[in-house]
Amino acid sequence: MDRHLPPAGRWQLAARAQRMQPSALRELLKVAERPDIISFAGGLPSPYALPVERLQASVERILRHDASGALQYGPSEGYLPLREAIASRLTRQGAGISPAQVLVTTGSQQALDLVARVLIDPGSRVLIETPTYLGAVQALAQYEPVFEEVPADAAGLLPERLDEASMRHARLLYTQPNFQNPTGRTLAHERRIALVSKAMRNGLLLVEDDPYGELVYSGATPPSLLSMAPQGVVHLGSFSKVIAPGLRVGYVVAPDELMLKLLQAKQASDLHTTGITQRLAHALLTDGEYDAHLDAIRQRYRAQCALMLECLAQHMPEGVSWTRPSGGMFLWVTLPAHIDSASLFDDALARGVAFIPGASFHAVAPKANTMRLTFTTATPSQIETGIARLAQAIKARLRNTEACLSVS
C-alpha cells in the first residue's frame, strides 16, 4: 500500500455534495415494493403498457440496418429524425417549433438538471407550484436557489397569487400543468392564459414539465404553455411514461438563445444521449401504431383510476378528500389536519399497503396530512383490497385520536 495516500475519508467534499441528502421517496419505495405489499407508491407505468414486442422488433431492425449509427458516438443535439418527429408532433398540437429547438436528453430528469445548471445561481429566486414534483425540487435544489411556493387548488396553480415583484426577480417558474405529479390536477385553460400573460409582462421564464400530457383519458389535453408563448417557455417532455422509462429518452424545447447554453451543458454532462435508445423512441413514435398504443394505455389507466375513485368513495371515512384526475397516473388524498401521513405509513404497511406521504412534495412548507396514490401498476383486485386496508388504517388512527381526546 502506498504510504503517501491519505487515509480513507480525508478527501474534501464539495459544499454542494455535503448538502446532498438521500431521497426519502426512494427509501420508502424500497419498503413499498416488497412482494407482500400492495403498493400505490411507485410512479411506474403499468408493465402491461410496455410495448415489448414492438421494441424487440425495432432493436433487431436497427441493429441490422443502422448498427454503426446506433452504437457510435452521436451529435449532442440528438438523433435528427427523432428531433424532427418530436417537433412535428408538438407542431400538430399547436406549438409550431423547429427541430433546431429540440434537444434530446437522458430522460427529462437530465433536462431539469440542464435547465437549472444554466439558469440558477446560489441565492436565485425560483417560483414553484405547491405541492410539486419531488424530482424537480431535487434537481433545482443542488444549485442553491431560494424557493418561493405558489399556491394551487384543484384547478392548478393560482396566477392571481403571483407577486409581480417576485416574478420580475425570479429566474424561472416551474410547473407541471397536465395531470400533475403528485396531485393529478390539471391547470385550467383560463389560468394558463392568465399565467402566460403575467409571465410575459414581467419577463418570467416558464418551465413547463409535461411527461403526462398524452395520457388524457378523454378528449384533448389543454393547449400547452409552449403553444401560447414559444419564446417565453422551456418545455420538457419524456418517453418514459408512454413508451418505457428504461430507454431514458426525454427532450427539452427552448428558445434559440437558451438552447445554445443547454447544448453546451449537455456536452459537458454526457456528450449525447444513447444512440440506440433514441432510435427506438423514434421507431415507436413513427411506426404508425403510436396513437393506438397511447389509446390502449389511456383506457387502462382510465379504468384503474375510476376503480380507485370508486373504492375511495366506498371506504374512506368522513373528513378525507381526494382529487379526481382526468389523465395521468396519480391522485392526491388529503386527511384530517391532525393526521400525519408519514406516521400513518407504518400503520398502513403493517396492513400490507403502501403509499407516498405528501410532505416530500413541498419545496418550502410541507403539509403532513396528505398522500400520493398511484393506480397504474396495481391490479383491480389489489386496488379494491389495498384501498380498503388503507381506509382501515385511517379509521384506526381517527379512533385513537378520539380516544385520546376523550381521556384528556
Protein backbone atom coordinates (compact mmCIF):
# COMPACT_ATOMS: atom_id res chain seq x y z
CA MET A 1 0.00 0.00 0.00
CA ASP A 2 1.28 3.47 -0.89
CA ARG A 3 2.16 5.23 2.39
CA HIS A 4 1.69 8.62 0.70
CA LEU A 5 -2.04 8.10 0.15
CA PRO A 6 -4.24 9.84 2.74
CA PRO A 7 -6.45 7.67 4.98
CA ALA A 8 -9.92 6.95 3.62
CA GLY A 9 -12.36 9.76 4.34
CA ARG A 10 -9.76 12.54 4.34
CA TRP A 11 -10.71 13.97 0.95
CA GLN A 12 -12.65 17.24 0.81
CA LEU A 13 -16.20 17.09 -0.49
CA ALA A 14 -17.66 19.99 -2.45
CA ALA A 15 -20.06 22.10 -0.45
CA ARG A 16 -22.94 21.04 -2.71
CA ALA A 17 -22.15 17.37 -2.07
CA GLN A 18 -22.17 17.96 1.68
CA ARG A 19 -25.68 19.38 1.36
CA MET A 20 -26.97 16.40 -0.64
CA GLN A 21 -29.47 14.17 1.13
CA PRO A 22 -30.76 10.71 0.23
CA SER A 23 -34.17 10.71 -1.40
CA ALA A 24 -36.77 9.95 1.25
CA LEU A 25 -39.06 8.82 -1.55
CA ARG A 26 -36.54 6.26 -2.82
CA GLU A 27 -36.01 4.89 0.68
CA LEU A 28 -39.75 4.44 1.12
CA LEU A 29 -40.03 2.73 -2.26
CA LYS A 30 -37.53 0.07 -1.18
CA VAL A 31 -40.00 -0.96 1.50
CA ALA A 32 -43.14 -0.33 -0.53
CA GLU A 33 -42.08 -2.62 -3.38
CA ARG A 34 -41.85 -5.76 -1.23
CA PRO A 35 -43.77 -8.60 -2.93
CA ASP A 36 -46.12 -8.97 0.06
CA ILE A 37 -47.19 -5.29 -0.13
CA ILE A 38 -49.94 -3.79 -2.29
CA SER A 39 -48.14 -0.70 -3.47
CA PHE A 40 -49.75 2.57 -4.53
CA ALA A 41 -46.35 4.22 -4.03
CA GLY A 42 -44.11 3.97 -7.10
CA GLY A 43 -44.83 6.23 -10.07
CA LEU A 44 -44.23 3.46 -12.59
CA PRO A 45 -46.03 2.73 -15.86
CA SER A 46 -48.05 -0.46 -15.92
CA PRO A 47 -45.95 -3.43 -17.05
CA TYR A 48 -48.82 -4.18 -19.45
CA ALA A 49 -48.24 -0.77 -21.09
CA LEU A 50 -44.66 -1.57 -22.12
CA PRO A 51 -44.54 -2.31 -25.90
CA VAL A 52 -42.10 -5.20 -25.53
CA GLU A 53 -42.73 -6.92 -28.87
CA ARG A 54 -42.50 -3.69 -30.86
CA LEU A 55 -39.29 -2.74 -29.07
CA GLN A 56 -37.81 -6.17 -29.71
CA ALA A 57 -38.61 -5.97 -33.42
CA SER A 58 -37.23 -2.44 -33.61
CA VAL A 59 -33.95 -3.40 -31.92
CA GLU A 60 -33.41 -6.18 -34.44
CA ARG A 61 -34.21 -3.88 -37.36
CA ILE A 62 -31.96 -1.07 -36.08
CA LEU A 63 -29.01 -3.35 -35.47
CA ARG A 64 -29.48 -4.96 -38.87
CA HIS A 65 -29.65 -1.71 -40.84
CA ASP A 66 -28.07 1.03 -38.67
CA ALA A 67 -25.74 -0.66 -36.19
CA SER A 68 -22.89 1.80 -36.72
CA GLY A 69 -25.09 4.84 -36.16
CA ALA A 70 -26.86 3.29 -33.18
CA LEU A 71 -23.70 2.18 -31.37
CA GLN A 72 -21.30 5.03 -32.22
CA TYR A 73 -20.99 8.46 -30.67
CA GLY A 74 -23.68 10.80 -31.91
CA PRO A 75 -24.49 14.51 -32.06
CA SER A 76 -25.09 16.20 -28.72
CA GLU A 77 -28.34 17.70 -30.01
CA GLY A 78 -29.75 14.21 -30.51
CA TYR A 79 -30.74 11.92 -33.37
CA LEU A 80 -32.10 14.26 -36.05
CA PRO A 81 -35.05 12.08 -37.19
CA LEU A 82 -36.22 11.86 -33.56
CA ARG A 83 -35.92 15.62 -33.13
CA GLU A 84 -37.89 16.10 -36.34
CA ALA A 85 -40.62 13.72 -35.15
CA ILE A 86 -40.87 15.48 -31.77
CA ALA A 87 -41.06 18.91 -33.45
CA SER A 88 -43.70 17.65 -35.87
CA ARG A 89 -45.86 16.20 -33.09
CA LEU A 90 -45.61 19.37 -30.97
CA THR A 91 -46.40 21.48 -34.03
CA ARG A 92 -49.57 19.45 -34.69
CA GLN A 93 -50.51 20.20 -31.07
CA GLY A 94 -50.21 23.93 -31.75
CA ALA A 95 -46.64 24.79 -30.70
CA GLY A 96 -45.13 25.45 -34.15
CA ILE A 97 -41.48 24.66 -33.42
CA SER A 98 -38.49 23.51 -35.48
CA PRO A 99 -36.13 20.56 -34.84
CA ALA A 100 -33.39 23.09 -34.01
CA GLN A 101 -35.36 23.97 -30.86
CA VAL A 102 -35.33 20.35 -29.62
CA LEU A 103 -32.51 18.90 -27.51
CA VAL A 104 -32.74 15.17 -26.72
CA THR A 105 -31.82 14.39 -23.11
CA THR A 106 -31.18 11.33 -20.98
CA GLY A 107 -34.65 11.37 -19.50
CA SER A 108 -36.49 14.54 -18.54
CA GLN A 109 -34.62 14.48 -15.22
CA GLN A 110 -31.46 15.46 -17.12
CA ALA A 111 -33.44 18.19 -18.85
CA LEU A 112 -34.34 19.60 -15.42
CA ASP A 113 -30.70 19.48 -14.37
CA LEU A 114 -29.53 21.25 -17.53
CA VAL A 115 -32.15 23.99 -17.15
CA ALA A 116 -31.13 24.52 -13.53
CA ARG A 117 -27.42 24.50 -14.40
CA VAL A 118 -27.69 27.27 -16.98
CA LEU A 119 -30.24 29.45 -15.17
CA ILE A 120 -29.71 29.24 -11.40
CA ASP A 121 -27.00 30.82 -9.26
CA PRO A 122 -26.79 30.42 -5.47
CA GLY A 123 -29.48 32.61 -3.99
CA SER A 124 -31.51 32.88 -7.22
CA ARG A 125 -35.25 33.06 -6.69
CA VAL A 126 -37.24 30.17 -8.16
CA LEU A 127 -41.04 30.07 -8.17
CA ILE A 128 -42.55 26.62 -7.87
CA GLU A 129 -46.13 25.40 -7.57
CA THR A 130 -47.10 23.53 -4.42
CA PRO A 131 -47.27 20.64 -3.99
CA THR A 132 -44.86 19.78 -6.78
CA TYR A 133 -42.79 17.03 -8.36
CA LEU A 134 -40.13 15.88 -5.89
CA GLY A 135 -37.59 15.19 -8.65
CA ALA A 136 -37.79 18.82 -9.77
CA VAL A 137 -37.09 20.06 -6.25
CA GLN A 138 -34.05 17.77 -6.05
CA ALA A 139 -32.72 18.82 -9.47
CA LEU A 140 -33.13 22.53 -8.80
CA ALA A 141 -32.06 22.49 -5.14
CA GLN A 142 -28.48 21.39 -5.82
CA TYR A 143 -27.86 24.80 -7.44
CA GLU A 144 -28.91 26.55 -4.20
CA PRO A 145 -31.91 28.66 -5.22
CA VAL A 146 -34.33 30.32 -2.84
CA PHE A 147 -37.67 28.62 -3.48
CA GLU A 148 -40.91 30.55 -3.32
CA GLU A 149 -44.03 28.40 -3.40
CA VAL A 150 -47.06 29.41 -5.47
CA PRO A 151 -50.38 28.21 -4.03
CA ALA A 152 -52.67 25.96 -6.04
CA ASP A 153 -56.10 24.38 -5.75
CA ALA A 154 -57.98 21.64 -7.61
CA ALA A 155 -57.74 23.63 -10.87
CA GLY A 156 -53.99 24.10 -10.56
CA LEU A 157 -51.66 26.97 -9.85
CA LEU A 158 -53.30 30.27 -8.89
CA PRO A 159 -51.95 33.02 -11.19
CA GLU A 160 -53.56 35.74 -9.06
CA ARG A 161 -51.29 34.72 -6.18
CA LEU A 162 -48.16 35.52 -8.19
CA ASP A 163 -46.47 38.64 -6.86
CA GLU A 164 -45.21 40.85 -9.68
CA ALA A 165 -42.05 41.84 -7.80
CA SER A 166 -41.26 38.16 -7.26
CA MET A 167 -41.84 37.42 -10.94
CA ARG A 168 -39.51 40.18 -12.06
CA HIS A 169 -36.69 38.90 -9.84
CA ALA A 170 -37.23 35.14 -10.31
CA ARG A 171 -35.11 33.13 -12.73
CA LEU A 172 -37.98 30.80 -13.58
CA LEU A 173 -41.33 29.35 -12.57
CA TYR A 174 -41.59 25.56 -12.63
CA THR A 175 -44.96 23.92 -13.28
CA GLN A 176 -46.49 20.61 -14.40
CA PRO A 177 -49.77 21.81 -15.95
CA ASN A 178 -51.09 18.42 -17.10
CA PHE A 179 -52.17 15.63 -14.69
CA GLN A 180 -49.51 16.74 -12.26
CA ASN A 181 -47.28 14.55 -10.15
CA PRO A 182 -48.26 14.25 -7.29
CA THR A 183 -51.84 15.57 -7.36
CA GLY A 184 -53.18 14.55 -10.77
CA ARG A 185 -54.65 18.04 -11.19
CA THR A 186 -54.71 19.94 -14.49
CA LEU A 187 -54.16 23.66 -14.86
CA ALA A 188 -57.42 25.17 -16.10
CA HIS A 189 -57.38 26.76 -19.56
CA GLU A 190 -58.23 30.24 -18.35
CA ARG A 191 -55.44 30.01 -15.76
CA ARG A 192 -52.96 29.04 -18.48
CA ILE A 193 -53.86 32.22 -20.34
CA ALA A 194 -53.55 34.31 -17.17
CA LEU A 195 -50.23 32.68 -16.18
CA VAL A 196 -48.65 33.22 -19.59
CA SER A 197 -49.90 36.81 -19.73
CA LYS A 198 -48.48 37.71 -16.31
CA ALA A 199 -45.20 35.92 -17.01
CA MET A 200 -44.68 37.68 -20.35
CA ARG A 201 -45.44 41.09 -18.85
CA ASN A 202 -42.87 40.54 -16.12
CA GLY A 203 -40.14 38.77 -18.10
CA LEU A 204 -40.57 35.50 -16.20
CA LEU A 205 -39.41 32.29 -17.89
CA LEU A 206 -41.90 29.42 -17.54
CA VAL A 207 -40.56 25.88 -17.30
CA GLU A 208 -43.37 23.58 -18.43
CA ASP A 209 -42.72 19.94 -17.48
CA ASP A 210 -45.13 17.69 -19.39
CA PRO A 211 -44.40 13.95 -19.05
CA TYR A 212 -48.10 13.05 -18.68
CA GLY A 213 -49.86 15.28 -21.22
CA GLU A 214 -50.58 12.47 -23.70
CA LEU A 215 -52.20 10.33 -21.01
CA VAL A 216 -55.50 12.21 -21.18
CA TYR A 217 -58.48 9.91 -20.50
CA SER A 218 -60.91 11.53 -22.93
CA GLY A 219 -60.93 14.47 -25.30
CA ALA A 220 -57.82 16.56 -25.83
CA THR A 221 -55.16 17.84 -23.48
CA PRO A 222 -55.47 21.63 -22.99
CA PRO A 223 -53.14 23.81 -25.09
CA SER A 224 -49.56 23.80 -23.84
CA LEU A 225 -47.92 26.89 -22.38
CA LEU A 226 -45.36 26.43 -25.16
CA SER A 227 -48.06 26.90 -27.80
CA MET A 228 -49.13 30.14 -26.10
CA ALA A 229 -45.68 31.70 -25.71
CA PRO A 230 -42.94 29.80 -27.59
CA GLN A 231 -40.28 32.42 -26.80
CA GLY A 232 -41.09 32.54 -23.09
CA VAL A 233 -41.39 28.84 -22.26
CA VAL A 234 -38.97 25.97 -21.79
CA HIS A 235 -40.90 22.77 -22.44
CA LEU A 236 -39.80 19.38 -21.07
CA GLY A 237 -41.08 16.05 -22.37
CA SER A 238 -40.35 12.37 -21.90
CA PHE A 239 -40.99 8.96 -23.42
CA SER A 240 -40.70 7.28 -20.02
CA LYS A 241 -44.43 7.22 -19.31
CA VAL A 242 -45.64 6.49 -22.84
CA ILE A 243 -43.03 4.03 -24.15
CA ALA A 244 -40.61 2.81 -21.45
CA PRO A 245 -38.67 4.51 -18.64
CA GLY A 246 -35.69 2.22 -19.19
CA LEU A 247 -34.96 3.93 -22.52
CA ARG A 248 -34.07 7.13 -20.63
CA VAL A 249 -35.10 9.37 -23.52
CA GLY A 250 -36.52 12.81 -22.86
CA TYR A 251 -36.25 16.21 -24.50
CA VAL A 252 -36.25 19.92 -23.88
CA VAL A 253 -37.62 22.62 -26.19
CA ALA A 254 -36.23 26.10 -25.64
CA PRO A 255 -35.79 29.49 -27.34
CA ASP A 256 -32.69 29.72 -29.53
CA GLU A 257 -30.51 31.80 -27.21
CA LEU A 258 -31.17 29.48 -24.29
CA MET A 259 -30.80 26.32 -26.40
CA LEU A 260 -27.16 27.17 -27.10
CA LYS A 261 -26.30 27.10 -23.39
CA LEU A 262 -28.38 23.98 -22.75
CA LEU A 263 -26.46 22.25 -25.54
CA GLN A 264 -23.13 23.29 -24.04
CA ALA A 265 -24.23 21.98 -20.64
CA LYS A 266 -25.34 18.72 -22.27
CA GLN A 267 -21.96 18.33 -23.95
CA ALA A 268 -20.21 18.74 -20.60
CA SER A 269 -22.60 16.31 -18.92
CA ASP A 270 -22.66 13.18 -21.10
CA LEU A 271 -21.79 14.17 -24.70
CA HIS A 272 -25.04 12.71 -26.05
CA THR A 273 -27.98 10.50 -25.18
CA THR A 274 -27.58 6.83 -26.11
CA GLY A 275 -27.97 6.37 -29.86
CA ILE A 276 -29.83 3.06 -29.83
CA THR A 277 -32.48 4.21 -27.34
CA GLN A 278 -33.07 7.38 -29.36
CA ARG A 279 -33.62 5.26 -32.44
CA LEU A 280 -36.00 3.01 -30.53
CA ALA A 281 -38.04 6.02 -29.39
CA HIS A 282 -38.10 7.30 -32.98
CA ALA A 283 -39.13 3.89 -34.34
CA LEU A 284 -42.10 3.59 -31.98
CA LEU A 285 -43.10 7.22 -32.43
CA THR A 286 -43.26 6.86 -36.23
CA ASP A 287 -44.25 3.24 -36.94
CA GLY A 288 -47.95 4.06 -37.37
CA GLU A 289 -49.01 2.35 -34.14
CA TYR A 290 -48.10 5.01 -31.60
CA ASP A 291 -51.56 6.56 -31.30
CA ALA A 292 -53.19 3.13 -30.91
CA HIS A 293 -50.59 2.33 -28.24
CA LEU A 294 -51.46 5.57 -26.41
CA ASP A 295 -55.18 4.80 -26.62
CA ALA A 296 -54.65 1.40 -25.00
CA ILE A 297 -52.69 2.96 -22.13
CA ARG A 298 -55.33 5.65 -21.67
CA GLN A 299 -58.13 3.09 -21.50
CA ARG A 300 -56.24 1.02 -18.92
CA TYR A 301 -55.39 3.97 -16.71
CA ARG A 302 -58.87 5.49 -17.02
CA ALA A 303 -60.40 2.24 -15.76
CA GLN A 304 -57.91 1.84 -12.94
CA CYS A 305 -58.33 5.46 -11.85
CA ALA A 306 -62.13 5.13 -11.91
CA LEU A 307 -61.94 1.99 -9.78
CA MET A 308 -59.68 3.65 -7.21
CA LEU A 309 -62.01 6.65 -7.01
CA GLU A 310 -64.96 4.29 -6.53
CA CYS A 311 -63.14 2.43 -3.76
CA LEU A 312 -62.14 5.66 -2.02
CA ALA A 313 -65.77 6.80 -2.02
CA GLN A 314 -66.86 3.43 -0.66
CA HIS A 315 -64.33 3.02 2.14
CA MET A 316 -62.88 6.34 3.28
CA PRO A 317 -64.23 7.97 6.44
CA GLU A 318 -65.67 11.45 6.65
CA GLY A 319 -63.03 14.17 6.56
CA VAL A 320 -60.89 12.53 3.88
CA SER A 321 -60.91 14.08 0.39
CA TRP A 322 -59.12 13.41 -2.89
CA THR A 323 -58.55 14.76 -6.38
CA ARG A 324 -60.33 13.40 -9.46
CA PRO A 325 -57.74 13.27 -12.26
CA SER A 326 -58.73 13.47 -15.92
CA GLY A 327 -55.47 11.85 -17.01
CA GLY A 328 -52.06 10.75 -15.83
CA MET A 329 -51.04 8.31 -13.12
CA PHE A 330 -51.70 9.87 -9.71
CA LEU A 331 -54.27 11.17 -7.30
CA TRP A 332 -53.85 13.14 -4.09
CA VAL A 333 -55.53 12.40 -0.78
CA THR A 334 -55.99 14.98 1.98
CA LEU A 335 -56.53 13.65 5.51
CA PRO A 336 -57.92 15.42 8.57
CA ALA A 337 -55.42 18.06 9.67
CA HIS A 338 -54.19 16.19 12.76
CA ILE A 339 -53.16 13.02 10.89
CA ASP A 340 -49.50 12.83 9.83
CA SER A 341 -49.31 10.59 6.78
CA ALA A 342 -45.64 9.79 7.48
CA SER A 343 -46.58 8.08 10.74
CA LEU A 344 -49.66 6.57 9.08
CA PHE A 345 -47.32 4.92 6.55
CA ASP A 346 -46.13 2.38 9.14
CA ASP A 347 -49.73 1.56 10.13
CA ALA A 348 -50.67 1.02 6.50
CA LEU A 349 -47.57 -1.05 5.84
CA ALA A 350 -48.48 -3.33 8.75
CA ARG A 351 -51.78 -3.92 6.94
CA GLY A 352 -49.96 -4.71 3.69
CA VAL A 353 -50.46 -1.49 1.71
CA ALA A 354 -48.13 1.40 0.84
CA PHE A 355 -48.39 4.99 -0.39
CA ILE A 356 -46.12 8.05 -0.51
CA PRO A 357 -46.55 10.60 2.31
CA GLY A 358 -47.25 14.04 0.91
CA ALA A 359 -44.75 16.17 2.85
CA SER A 360 -41.97 15.23 0.40
CA PHE A 361 -43.71 17.07 -2.43
CA HIS A 362 -43.26 20.56 -0.99
CA ALA A 363 -40.22 22.75 -1.59
CA VAL A 364 -40.71 25.01 1.43
CA ALA A 365 -43.66 24.33 3.73
CA PRO A 366 -44.63 20.62 3.96
CA LYS A 367 -48.21 19.60 4.62
CA ALA A 368 -48.14 16.39 6.62
CA ASN A 369 -51.80 15.40 6.22
CA THR A 370 -51.54 14.45 2.54
CA MET A 371 -50.52 11.41 0.47
CA ARG A 372 -49.96 10.41 -3.14
CA LEU A 373 -51.56 7.30 -4.58
CA THR A 374 -50.59 5.68 -7.88
CA PHE A 375 -53.12 3.42 -9.60
CA THR A 376 -51.16 2.32 -12.67
CA THR A 377 -49.36 -0.82 -11.51
CA ALA A 378 -51.93 -2.41 -9.21
CA THR A 379 -54.48 -4.96 -10.45
CA PRO A 380 -58.20 -4.27 -9.94
CA SER A 381 -58.34 -6.71 -7.03
CA GLN A 382 -55.27 -5.10 -5.46
CA ILE A 383 -56.87 -1.66 -5.78
CA GLU A 384 -60.04 -2.89 -4.07
CA THR A 385 -58.17 -4.67 -1.27
CA GLY A 386 -55.50 -2.01 -0.86
CA ILE A 387 -57.88 0.94 -0.55
CA ALA A 388 -59.97 -0.98 1.97
CA ARG A 389 -56.82 -1.65 4.03
CA LEU A 390 -55.70 1.97 3.79
CA ALA A 391 -59.11 3.14 4.96
CA GLN A 392 -58.88 0.76 7.92
CA ALA A 393 -55.56 2.31 8.91
CA ILE A 394 -57.01 5.82 8.69
CA LYS A 395 -60.11 4.88 10.67
CA ALA A 396 -57.95 3.29 13.36
CA ARG A 397 -55.88 6.46 13.62
CA LEU A 398 -59.06 8.54 13.92
CA ARG A 399 -60.39 6.26 16.67
CA ASN A 400 -57.13 6.54 18.58
CA THR A 401 -57.22 10.32 18.32
CA GLU A 402 -60.81 10.44 19.54
CA ALA A 403 -59.93 8.16 22.46
CA CYS A 404 -57.02 10.37 23.44
CA LEU A 405 -59.18 13.49 23.29
CA SER A 406 -61.89 11.89 25.43
CA VAL A 407 -59.32 10.89 28.10
CA SER A 408 -57.78 14.35 28.18
